[in-house]
Amino acid sequence: MEDVVKDFEARNRNLQKEYDAWRQAKENEHCLGVYVDCAFIEARKSFSEYCHLEETVPFEVMLQCEQLYEKGNNSNSDVKALIIEF
């Protein structure tokens, strides 16, 4: 996984700040699940477009961003609360 992230960042840039802003915007729109989960190509494409990238962000790169975001924002509890509401 680390090699994929390093290779991608060498061709592009580190996307963590952009991921944080994109994820916060999605959460404010109450777009969770498929819309932000890196396992789904739709989420990776959406994030890639947000960053104006020519290629789709690989799963491994977005997973790292997702994990750092959730660790720093403790958003897991927010996500669970929103899921319970529905």
C-alpha atoms as a PDB file:
ATOM      1  CA  MET A   1       0.000   0.000   0.000  1.00  0.00           C
ATOM      2  CA  GLU A   2       2.777   2.409   0.884  1.00  0.00           C
ATOM      3  CA  ASP A   3       4.345   2.086  -2.575  1.00  0.00           C
ATOM      4  CA  VAL A   4       1.068   2.927  -4.305  1.00  0.00           C
ATOM      5  CA  VAL A   5       0.681   6.032  -2.140  1.00  0.00           C
ATOM      6  CA  LYS A   6       4.274   7.172  -2.713  1.00  0.00           C
ATOM      7  CA  ASP A   7       4.057   6.623  -6.479  1.00  0.00           C
ATOM      8  CA  PHE A   8       0.769   8.506  -6.704  1.00  0.00           C
ATOM      9  CA  GLU A   9       2.028  11.421  -4.619  1.00  0.00           C
ATOM     10  CA  ALA A  10       5.210  11.603  -6.716  1.00  0.00           C
ATOM     11  CA  ARG A  11       3.056  12.024  -9.860  1.00  0.00           C
ATOM     12  CA  ASN A  12       0.529  14.335  -8.237  1.00  0.00           C
ATOM     13  CA  ARG A  13       0.662  15.671  -4.676  1.00  0.00           C
ATOM     14  CA  ASN A  14      -0.392  14.846  -1.140  1.00  0.00           C
ATOM     15  CA  LEU A  15      -4.156  15.174  -1.045  1.00  0.00           C
ATOM     16  CA  GLN A  16      -4.900  15.096   2.675  1.00  0.00           C
ATOM     17  CA  LYS A  17      -5.956  18.740   3.045  1.00  0.00           C
ATOM     18  CA  GLU A  18      -8.139  18.473  -0.031  1.00  0.00           C
ATOM     19  CA  TYR A  19      -9.605  15.211   1.235  1.00  0.00           C
ATOM     20  CA  ASP A  20     -10.425  16.815   4.582  1.00  0.00           C
ATOM     21  CA  ALA A  21     -12.258  19.694   2.861  1.00  0.00           C
ATOM     22  CA  TRP A  22     -14.063  17.362   0.423  1.00  0.00           C
ATOM     23  CA  ARG A  23     -15.116  14.989   3.205  1.00  0.00           C
ATOM     24  CA  GLN A  24     -16.364  17.842   5.398  1.00  0.00           C
ATOM     25  CA  ALA A  25     -18.411  19.190   2.489  1.00  0.00           C
ATOM     26  CA  LYS A  26     -19.915  15.737   1.882  1.00  0.00           C
ATOM     27  CA  GLU A  27     -20.765  15.350   5.558  1.00  0.00           C
ATOM     28  CA  ASN A  28     -22.400  18.778   5.566  1.00  0.00           C
ATOM     29  CA  GLU A  29     -24.517  17.595   2.623  1.00  0.00           C
ATOM     30  CA  HIS A  30     -25.315  14.394   4.584  1.00  0.00           C
ATOM     31  CA  CYS A  31     -23.691  12.356   1.816  1.00  0.00           C
ATOM     32  CA  LEU A  32     -22.178   9.310   3.464  1.00  0.00           C
ATOM     33  CA  GLY A  33     -21.681   5.654   2.584  1.00  0.00           C
ATOM     34  CA  VAL A  34     -21.176   5.196  -1.151  1.00  0.00           C
ATOM     35  CA  TYR A  35     -20.539   8.920  -1.516  1.00  0.00           C
ATOM     36  CA  VAL A  36     -17.440   8.991   0.709  1.00  0.00           C
ATOM     37  CA  ASP A  37     -16.306   5.374   1.178  1.00  0.00           C
ATOM     38  CA  CYS A  38     -13.068   4.726  -0.715  1.00  0.00           C
ATOM     39  CA  ALA A  39     -14.221   1.179  -1.494  1.00  0.00           C
ATOM     40  CA  PHE A  40     -16.625   2.654  -4.049  1.00  0.00           C
ATOM     41  CA  ILE A  41     -15.336   3.929  -7.387  1.00  0.00           C
ATOM     42  CA  GLU A  42     -18.024   6.624  -7.355  1.00  0.00           C
ATOM     43  CA  ALA A  43     -16.491   8.173  -4.239  1.00  0.00           C
ATOM     44  CA  ARG A  44     -12.967   7.992  -5.669  1.00  0.00           C
ATOM     45  CA  LYS A  45     -14.130   9.593  -8.920  1.00  0.00           C
ATOM     46  CA  SER A  46     -15.964  12.344  -7.042  1.00  0.00           C
ATOM     47  CA  PHE A  47     -12.903  13.108  -4.958  1.00  0.00           C
ATOM     48  CA  SER A  48     -10.648  13.019  -8.031  1.00  0.00           C
ATOM     49  CA  GLU A  49     -12.877  15.516  -9.814  1.00  0.00           C
ATOM     50  CA  TYR A  50     -12.892  17.731  -6.712  1.00  0.00           C
ATOM     51  CA  CYS A  51      -9.073  17.739  -6.841  1.00  0.00           C
ATOM     52  CA  HIS A  52      -9.016  18.332 -10.621  1.00  0.00           C
ATOM     53  CA  LEU A  53      -6.902  15.221 -11.192  1.00  0.00           C
ATOM     54  CA  GLU A  54      -6.447  13.589 -14.564  1.00  0.00           C
ATOM     55  CA  GLU A  55      -6.523  10.113 -13.037  1.00  0.00           C
ATOM     56  CA  THR A  56      -8.828   8.538 -10.478  1.00  0.00           C
ATOM     57  CA  VAL A  57      -7.377   8.398  -6.990  1.00  0.00           C
ATOM     58  CA  PRO A  58      -6.380   4.801  -6.187  1.00  0.00           C
ATOM     59  CA  PHE A  59      -8.160   2.977  -3.386  1.00  0.00           C
ATOM     60  CA  GLU A  60      -4.982   2.859  -1.288  1.00  0.00           C
ATOM     61  CA  VAL A  61      -4.411   6.619  -1.484  1.00  0.00           C
ATOM     62  CA  MET A  62      -7.960   7.490  -0.562  1.00  0.00           C
ATOM     63  CA  LEU A  63      -8.003   4.863   2.199  1.00  0.00           C
ATOM     64  CA  GLN A  64      -5.006   6.536   3.809  1.00  0.00           C
ATOM     65  CA  CYS A  65      -6.697   9.943   3.586  1.00  0.00           C
ATOM     66  CA  GLU A  66      -9.909   8.483   4.976  1.00  0.00           C
ATOM     67  CA  GLN A  67      -8.147   6.856   7.928  1.00  0.00           C
ATOM     68  CA  LEU A  68      -6.234  10.029   8.807  1.00  0.00           C
ATOM     69  CA  TYR A  69      -9.391  12.111   8.531  1.00  0.00           C
ATOM     70  CA  GLU A  70     -11.362   9.791  10.773  1.00  0.00           C
ATOM     71  CA  LYS A  71      -8.546   9.564  13.294  1.00  0.00           C
ATOM     72  CA  GLY A  72      -8.141  13.339  13.435  1.00  0.00           C
ATOM     73  CA  ASN A  73     -11.840  14.172  13.461  1.00  0.00           C
ATOM     74  CA  ASN A  74     -13.178  11.170  15.344  1.00  0.00           C
ATOM     75  CA  SER A  75     -15.955  11.185  12.722  1.00  0.00           C
ATOM     76  CA  ASN A  76     -16.856   7.538  13.237  1.00  0.00           C
ATOM     77  CA  SER A  77     -19.235   8.492  16.029  1.00  0.00           C
ATOM     78  CA  ASP A  78     -20.874  11.119  13.790  1.00  0.00           C
ATOM     79  CA  VAL A  79     -21.309   8.598  10.974  1.00  0.00           C
ATOM     80  CA  LYS A  80     -22.867   6.038  13.328  1.00  0.00           C
ATOM     81  CA  ALA A  81     -25.258   8.666  14.669  1.00  0.00           C
ATOM     82  CA  LEU A  82     -26.389   9.597  11.165  1.00  0.00           C
ATOM     83  CA  ILE A  83     -26.880   5.964  10.174  1.00  0.00           C
ATOM     84  CA  ILE A  84     -29.027   5.328  13.246  1.00  0.00           C
ATOM     85  CA  GLU A  85     -31.206   8.317  12.386  1.00  0.00           C
ATOM     86  CA  PHE A  86     -32.108   6.802   9.031  1.00  0.00           C
END
